[in-house]
Structure formats: C-alpha cells, structure tokens
Amino acid sequence: MNEKPPQPDLAAYLISEIQKQLPPHVELVRSIEPVLGISRSALYKRLRRASAFTADELVALARHFQISLDHFVLDKPGTVTVDFPAMAQPVPSRYHSLNYSTPRQKYRSFAT
C-alpha cells in the first residue's frame, strides 16, 4: 500500500507561524479574534483543542497573516498550481489561420 507520510497539523502550524510574526507584547488571542469574528471563549476552545477550527477559519487566518499553505495542499515541494478561468471560446493559434483546404503551390527552382 502506498501511503503518504503523516502531515503536520494545519491548525498547529498556523498558530505557530502567527506567533512568530507577533511581537512579544501582543497577545495571540487579541490578534486572532477580530480576524475570525468569533467570541473570545470560542477562540480559547479552539486554541485548547476543545473544538476544532473550521476550514474557513484556517483559510482566513492564513490569508490575513499571509502564510502559505502550499506544502499542505501540494504533493510535490517546489511545484506551483495555477488555475485559469474557463474560456468561453477556444483561442485560435496562428496555425488555425492557415488554409489547408486549398492546394499548395509548387515552387520552381531558379537555379541554373
């Protein structure tokens, strides 16, 4: 069986990265509370792991504190996933402009 190695806990990773960004005199709860818009008691429950952060809360924290989650969602380190919006019509390439339905002209050699 081909199993992936265990991933570190996303919530613990985010909290640790947020703490690294904060100055020593700034309280973690006071900096996270307005981002999530939840009560202080609900936030303490999440920090004590009495209840779990929702996926939306984790994304909000990552965005607010500009923490990349790439290594949690990408299989290979060093790769980047790019999403493009769907196109209504295909974009023609320069090869589509060639008209292959007409016979090709034969070129004469002018060598003497």
N, C-alpha and C. Protein backbone atom coordinates (compact mmCIF):
# COMPACT_ATOMS: atom_id res chain seq x y z
N MET A 1 0.84 -1.17 0.00
CA MET A 1 0.00 0.00 0.00
C MET A 1 0.89 1.25 0.00
N ASN A 2 0.53 2.24 -0.82
CA ASN A 2 1.33 3.45 -0.97
C ASN A 2 0.70 4.57 -0.16
N GLU A 3 1.16 4.76 1.06
CA GLU A 3 0.59 5.78 1.94
C GLU A 3 1.49 7.00 1.99
N LYS A 4 0.85 8.17 2.11
CA LYS A 4 1.60 9.42 2.25
C LYS A 4 2.12 9.51 3.68
N PRO A 5 3.26 10.17 3.85
CA PRO A 5 3.74 10.38 5.22
C PRO A 5 2.77 11.28 5.97
N PRO A 6 2.67 11.14 7.28
CA PRO A 6 1.72 11.96 8.03
C PRO A 6 2.05 13.44 7.90
N GLN A 7 1.00 14.24 7.74
CA GLN A 7 1.15 15.69 7.61
C GLN A 7 1.09 16.33 8.99
N PRO A 8 1.84 17.40 9.20
CA PRO A 8 1.71 18.11 10.46
C PRO A 8 0.32 18.75 10.53
N ASP A 9 -0.12 19.00 11.72
CA ASP A 9 -1.43 19.57 11.96
C ASP A 9 -1.48 21.00 11.43
N LEU A 10 -2.43 21.28 10.55
CA LEU A 10 -2.54 22.59 9.91
C LEU A 10 -2.81 23.69 10.93
N ALA A 11 -3.72 23.46 11.86
CA ALA A 11 -4.04 24.48 12.85
C ALA A 11 -2.82 24.80 13.72
N ALA A 12 -2.11 23.78 14.16
CA ALA A 12 -0.93 23.99 14.99
C ALA A 12 0.14 24.74 14.20
N TYR A 13 0.30 24.40 12.93
CA TYR A 13 1.27 25.09 12.09
C TYR A 13 0.92 26.57 11.96
N LEU A 14 -0.35 26.88 11.67
CA LEU A 14 -0.76 28.27 11.52
C LEU A 14 -0.56 29.07 12.80
N ILE A 15 -0.97 28.50 13.92
CA ILE A 15 -0.84 29.21 15.20
C ILE A 15 0.63 29.49 15.48
N SER A 16 1.49 28.51 15.22
CA SER A 16 2.92 28.71 15.47
C SER A 16 3.50 29.78 14.55
N GLU A 17 3.07 29.81 13.28
CA GLU A 17 3.55 30.83 12.35
C GLU A 17 3.04 32.22 12.72
N ILE A 18 1.80 32.29 13.19
CA ILE A 18 1.24 33.57 13.63
C ILE A 18 2.02 34.08 14.84
N GLN A 19 2.31 33.20 15.79
CA GLN A 19 3.07 33.61 16.98
C GLN A 19 4.45 34.13 16.62
N LYS A 20 5.06 33.57 15.59
CA LYS A 20 6.38 34.03 15.15
C LYS A 20 6.30 35.46 14.60
N GLN A 21 5.17 35.80 13.99
CA GLN A 21 5.01 37.13 13.40
C GLN A 21 4.71 38.21 14.43
N LEU A 22 4.10 37.81 15.55
CA LEU A 22 3.65 38.80 16.53
C LEU A 22 4.80 39.25 17.43
N PRO A 23 4.81 40.53 17.76
CA PRO A 23 5.79 40.99 18.75
C PRO A 23 5.48 40.36 20.10
N PRO A 24 6.47 40.24 20.97
CA PRO A 24 6.28 39.56 22.26
C PRO A 24 5.18 40.17 23.13
N HIS A 25 4.95 41.46 23.01
CA HIS A 25 3.96 42.10 23.88
C HIS A 25 2.52 41.99 23.36
N VAL A 26 2.33 41.43 22.13
CA VAL A 26 0.99 41.30 21.56
C VAL A 26 0.43 39.93 21.88
N GLU A 27 -0.77 39.92 22.45
CA GLU A 27 -1.43 38.67 22.83
C GLU A 27 -2.02 37.99 21.60
N LEU A 28 -1.79 36.69 21.48
CA LEU A 28 -2.25 35.91 20.33
C LEU A 28 -3.76 36.02 20.15
N VAL A 29 -4.51 35.86 21.23
CA VAL A 29 -5.97 35.87 21.15
C VAL A 29 -6.47 37.22 20.64
N ARG A 30 -5.86 38.29 21.10
CA ARG A 30 -6.30 39.63 20.67
C ARG A 30 -6.03 39.88 19.19
N SER A 31 -5.03 39.24 18.63
CA SER A 31 -4.73 39.44 17.22
C SER A 31 -5.58 38.54 16.32
N ILE A 32 -6.00 37.39 16.82
CA ILE A 32 -6.78 36.45 16.01
C ILE A 32 -8.29 36.73 16.11
N GLU A 33 -8.75 37.16 17.25
CA GLU A 33 -10.18 37.34 17.50
C GLU A 33 -10.87 38.20 16.43
N PRO A 34 -10.36 39.37 16.06
CA PRO A 34 -11.06 40.17 15.06
C PRO A 34 -11.03 39.56 13.65
N VAL A 35 -10.03 38.76 13.36
CA VAL A 35 -9.92 38.13 12.04
C VAL A 35 -11.03 37.09 11.86
N LEU A 36 -11.28 36.32 12.90
CA LEU A 36 -12.26 35.24 12.80
C LEU A 36 -13.68 35.71 13.13
N GLY A 37 -13.79 36.78 13.91
CA GLY A 37 -15.13 37.26 14.26
C GLY A 37 -15.89 36.32 15.17
N ILE A 38 -15.16 35.60 16.03
CA ILE A 38 -15.81 34.70 16.99
C ILE A 38 -15.52 35.22 18.39
N SER A 39 -16.26 34.71 19.35
CA SER A 39 -16.08 35.17 20.73
C SER A 39 -14.72 34.70 21.27
N ARG A 40 -14.30 35.38 22.29
CA ARG A 40 -13.02 35.04 22.92
C ARG A 40 -13.07 33.63 23.51
N SER A 41 -14.20 33.27 24.11
CA SER A 41 -14.30 31.92 24.70
C SER A 41 -14.26 30.85 23.62
N ALA A 42 -14.89 31.11 22.46
CA ALA A 42 -14.84 30.14 21.35
C ALA A 42 -13.41 30.01 20.82
N LEU A 43 -12.70 31.12 20.77
CA LEU A 43 -11.32 31.08 20.30
C LEU A 43 -10.43 30.32 21.28
N TYR A 44 -10.62 30.53 22.59
CA TYR A 44 -9.84 29.77 23.57
C TYR A 44 -10.11 28.27 23.46
N LYS A 45 -11.36 27.91 23.18
CA LYS A 45 -11.67 26.48 22.99
C LYS A 45 -10.89 25.91 21.82
N ARG A 46 -10.80 26.68 20.75
CA ARG A 46 -10.05 26.21 19.58
C ARG A 46 -8.55 26.11 19.89
N LEU A 47 -8.03 27.07 20.61
CA LEU A 47 -6.61 27.03 20.94
C LEU A 47 -6.27 25.90 21.91
N ARG A 48 -7.22 25.56 22.79
CA ARG A 48 -7.01 24.42 23.71
C ARG A 48 -7.34 23.09 23.05
N ARG A 49 -7.84 23.13 21.83
CA ARG A 49 -8.27 21.96 21.06
C ARG A 49 -9.49 21.28 21.65
N ALA A 50 -10.30 22.04 22.39
CA ALA A 50 -11.57 21.52 22.86
C ALA A 50 -12.57 21.49 21.71
N SER A 51 -12.39 22.36 20.73
CA SER A 51 -13.14 22.32 19.48
C SER A 51 -12.17 22.66 18.35
N ALA A 52 -12.54 22.28 17.14
CA ALA A 52 -11.62 22.44 16.01
C ALA A 52 -11.90 23.72 15.24
N PHE A 53 -10.85 24.27 14.65
CA PHE A 53 -11.02 25.37 13.72
C PHE A 53 -11.73 24.84 12.48
N THR A 54 -12.59 25.64 11.88
CA THR A 54 -13.20 25.24 10.61
C THR A 54 -12.21 25.52 9.49
N ALA A 55 -12.46 24.93 8.34
CA ALA A 55 -11.59 25.17 7.18
C ALA A 55 -11.61 26.65 6.81
N ASP A 56 -12.78 27.27 6.86
CA ASP A 56 -12.88 28.70 6.53
C ASP A 56 -12.07 29.55 7.50
N GLU A 57 -12.08 29.19 8.77
CA GLU A 57 -11.30 29.94 9.76
C GLU A 57 -9.81 29.81 9.50
N LEU A 58 -9.36 28.62 9.16
CA LEU A 58 -7.94 28.41 8.87
C LEU A 58 -7.51 29.18 7.64
N VAL A 59 -8.35 29.19 6.61
CA VAL A 59 -8.04 29.95 5.40
C VAL A 59 -8.01 31.44 5.71
N ALA A 60 -8.96 31.92 6.50
CA ALA A 60 -9.00 33.34 6.87
C ALA A 60 -7.72 33.74 7.62
N LEU A 61 -7.27 32.90 8.53
CA LEU A 61 -6.03 33.19 9.26
C LEU A 61 -4.82 33.20 8.32
N ALA A 62 -4.76 32.22 7.44
CA ALA A 62 -3.63 32.14 6.50
C ALA A 62 -3.59 33.37 5.59
N ARG A 63 -4.75 33.79 5.13
CA ARG A 63 -4.79 34.96 4.25
C ARG A 63 -4.44 36.23 5.01
N HIS A 64 -5.01 36.40 6.18
CA HIS A 64 -4.79 37.62 6.95
C HIS A 64 -3.32 37.79 7.32
N PHE A 65 -2.70 36.71 7.75
CA PHE A 65 -1.30 36.77 8.18
C PHE A 65 -0.32 36.41 7.06
N GLN A 66 -0.85 36.22 5.86
CA GLN A 66 -0.04 35.92 4.67
C GLN A 66 0.88 34.73 4.88
N ILE A 67 0.27 33.63 5.27
CA ILE A 67 1.02 32.39 5.50
C ILE A 67 0.64 31.42 4.38
N SER A 68 1.62 30.91 3.70
CA SER A 68 1.39 29.98 2.59
C SER A 68 1.01 28.60 3.11
N LEU A 69 0.03 28.02 2.47
CA LEU A 69 -0.39 26.66 2.81
C LEU A 69 -0.01 25.68 1.71
N ASP A 70 0.89 26.09 0.82
CA ASP A 70 1.24 25.27 -0.33
C ASP A 70 1.70 23.86 0.04
N HIS A 71 2.55 23.74 1.03
CA HIS A 71 3.08 22.41 1.33
C HIS A 71 2.01 21.50 1.96
N PHE A 72 0.86 22.06 2.34
CA PHE A 72 -0.22 21.23 2.84
C PHE A 72 -1.12 20.72 1.72
N VAL A 73 -1.16 21.45 0.60
CA VAL A 73 -2.07 21.05 -0.47
C VAL A 73 -1.36 20.51 -1.70
N LEU A 74 -0.07 20.75 -1.85
CA LEU A 74 0.67 20.25 -3.00
C LEU A 74 1.37 18.95 -2.66
N ASP A 75 1.37 18.05 -3.61
CA ASP A 75 2.03 16.76 -3.39
C ASP A 75 3.54 16.86 -3.47
N LYS A 76 4.04 17.68 -4.39
CA LYS A 76 5.48 17.78 -4.58
C LYS A 76 5.97 19.15 -4.13
N PRO A 77 6.96 19.21 -3.27
CA PRO A 77 7.51 20.51 -2.89
C PRO A 77 8.14 21.18 -4.10
N GLY A 78 8.01 22.48 -4.16
CA GLY A 78 8.61 23.22 -5.26
C GLY A 78 7.74 23.34 -6.49
N THR A 79 6.52 22.80 -6.43
CA THR A 79 5.61 22.92 -7.57
C THR A 79 4.57 23.99 -7.27
N VAL A 80 4.07 24.58 -8.31
CA VAL A 80 3.06 25.61 -8.18
C VAL A 80 1.86 25.22 -9.02
N THR A 81 0.69 25.31 -8.46
CA THR A 81 -0.54 25.03 -9.18
C THR A 81 -1.16 26.35 -9.59
N VAL A 82 -1.51 26.45 -10.87
CA VAL A 82 -2.10 27.68 -11.39
C VAL A 82 -3.47 27.35 -11.94
N ASP A 83 -4.48 28.10 -11.52
CA ASP A 83 -5.83 27.94 -12.04
C ASP A 83 -6.12 29.07 -13.00
N PHE A 84 -6.63 28.71 -14.16
CA PHE A 84 -7.04 29.70 -15.14
C PHE A 84 -8.55 29.68 -15.25
N PRO A 85 -9.17 30.85 -15.46
CA PRO A 85 -10.62 30.84 -15.65
C PRO A 85 -10.98 30.12 -16.94
N ALA A 86 -12.14 29.50 -16.96
CA ALA A 86 -12.59 28.79 -18.14
C ALA A 86 -12.82 29.78 -19.27
N MET A 87 -12.47 29.37 -20.47
CA MET A 87 -12.64 30.26 -21.62
C MET A 87 -13.95 29.92 -22.32
N ALA A 88 -14.67 30.94 -22.76
CA ALA A 88 -15.93 30.73 -23.46
C ALA A 88 -15.69 30.11 -24.83
N GLN A 89 -14.64 30.56 -25.50
CA GLN A 89 -14.31 30.03 -26.82
C GLN A 89 -12.82 29.73 -26.86
N PRO A 90 -12.44 28.73 -27.64
CA PRO A 90 -11.01 28.43 -27.72
C PRO A 90 -10.27 29.58 -28.40
N VAL A 91 -9.05 29.76 -28.00
CA VAL A 91 -8.21 30.79 -28.59
C VAL A 91 -7.53 30.19 -29.80
N PRO A 92 -7.76 30.78 -30.98
CA PRO A 92 -7.12 30.20 -32.18
C PRO A 92 -5.62 30.48 -32.18
N SER A 93 -4.89 29.54 -32.64
CA SER A 93 -3.45 29.73 -32.76
C SER A 93 -3.15 30.21 -34.17
N ARG A 94 -1.92 30.55 -34.42
CA ARG A 94 -1.56 31.02 -35.76
C ARG A 94 -1.70 29.90 -36.79
N TYR A 95 -1.68 28.67 -36.35
CA TYR A 95 -1.81 27.54 -37.27
C TYR A 95 -3.24 27.38 -37.76
N HIS A 96 -4.20 27.87 -37.00
CA HIS A 96 -5.59 27.80 -37.45
C HIS A 96 -5.85 28.75 -38.61
N SER A 97 -5.03 29.77 -38.73
CA SER A 97 -5.25 30.74 -39.79
C SER A 97 -4.78 30.23 -41.15
N LEU A 98 -3.98 29.19 -41.18
CA LEU A 98 -3.55 28.62 -42.45
C LEU A 98 -4.70 27.85 -43.07
N ASN A 99 -4.88 28.03 -44.33
CA ASN A 99 -5.98 27.36 -45.01
C ASN A 99 -5.42 26.12 -45.69
N TYR A 100 -5.67 24.98 -45.13
CA TYR A 100 -5.15 23.74 -45.69
C TYR A 100 -6.08 23.14 -46.74
N SER A 101 -7.24 23.76 -46.97
CA SER A 101 -8.17 23.19 -47.93
C SER A 101 -7.77 23.53 -49.37
N THR A 102 -6.99 24.58 -49.60
CA THR A 102 -6.56 24.92 -50.96
C THR A 102 -5.27 24.17 -51.27
N PRO A 103 -5.10 23.78 -52.53
CA PRO A 103 -3.87 23.06 -52.87
C PRO A 103 -2.64 23.94 -52.69
N ARG A 104 -1.59 23.34 -52.29
CA ARG A 104 -0.35 24.08 -52.09
C ARG A 104 0.30 24.36 -53.45
N GLN A 105 0.92 25.51 -53.54
CA GLN A 105 1.61 25.86 -54.77
C GLN A 105 2.97 25.19 -54.79
N LYS A 106 3.37 24.82 -55.99
CA LYS A 106 4.71 24.26 -56.15
C LYS A 106 5.64 25.40 -56.49
N TYR A 107 6.77 25.44 -55.85
CA TYR A 107 7.74 26.49 -56.11
C TYR A 107 8.79 25.97 -57.10
N ARG A 108 9.11 26.82 -58.04
CA ARG A 108 10.11 26.45 -59.06
C ARG A 108 11.49 26.82 -58.56
N SER A 109 12.41 26.03 -58.90
CA SER A 109 13.79 26.33 -58.58
C SER A 109 14.37 27.14 -59.73
N PHE A 110 15.01 28.25 -59.42
CA PHE A 110 15.59 29.10 -60.44
C PHE A 110 17.11 28.88 -60.54
N ALA A 111 17.56 27.79 -60.03
CA ALA A 111 19.00 27.50 -60.11
C ALA A 111 19.38 27.22 -61.55
N THR A 112 20.53 27.70 -61.96
CA THR A 112 20.97 27.48 -63.36
C THR A 112 21.90 26.32 -63.48
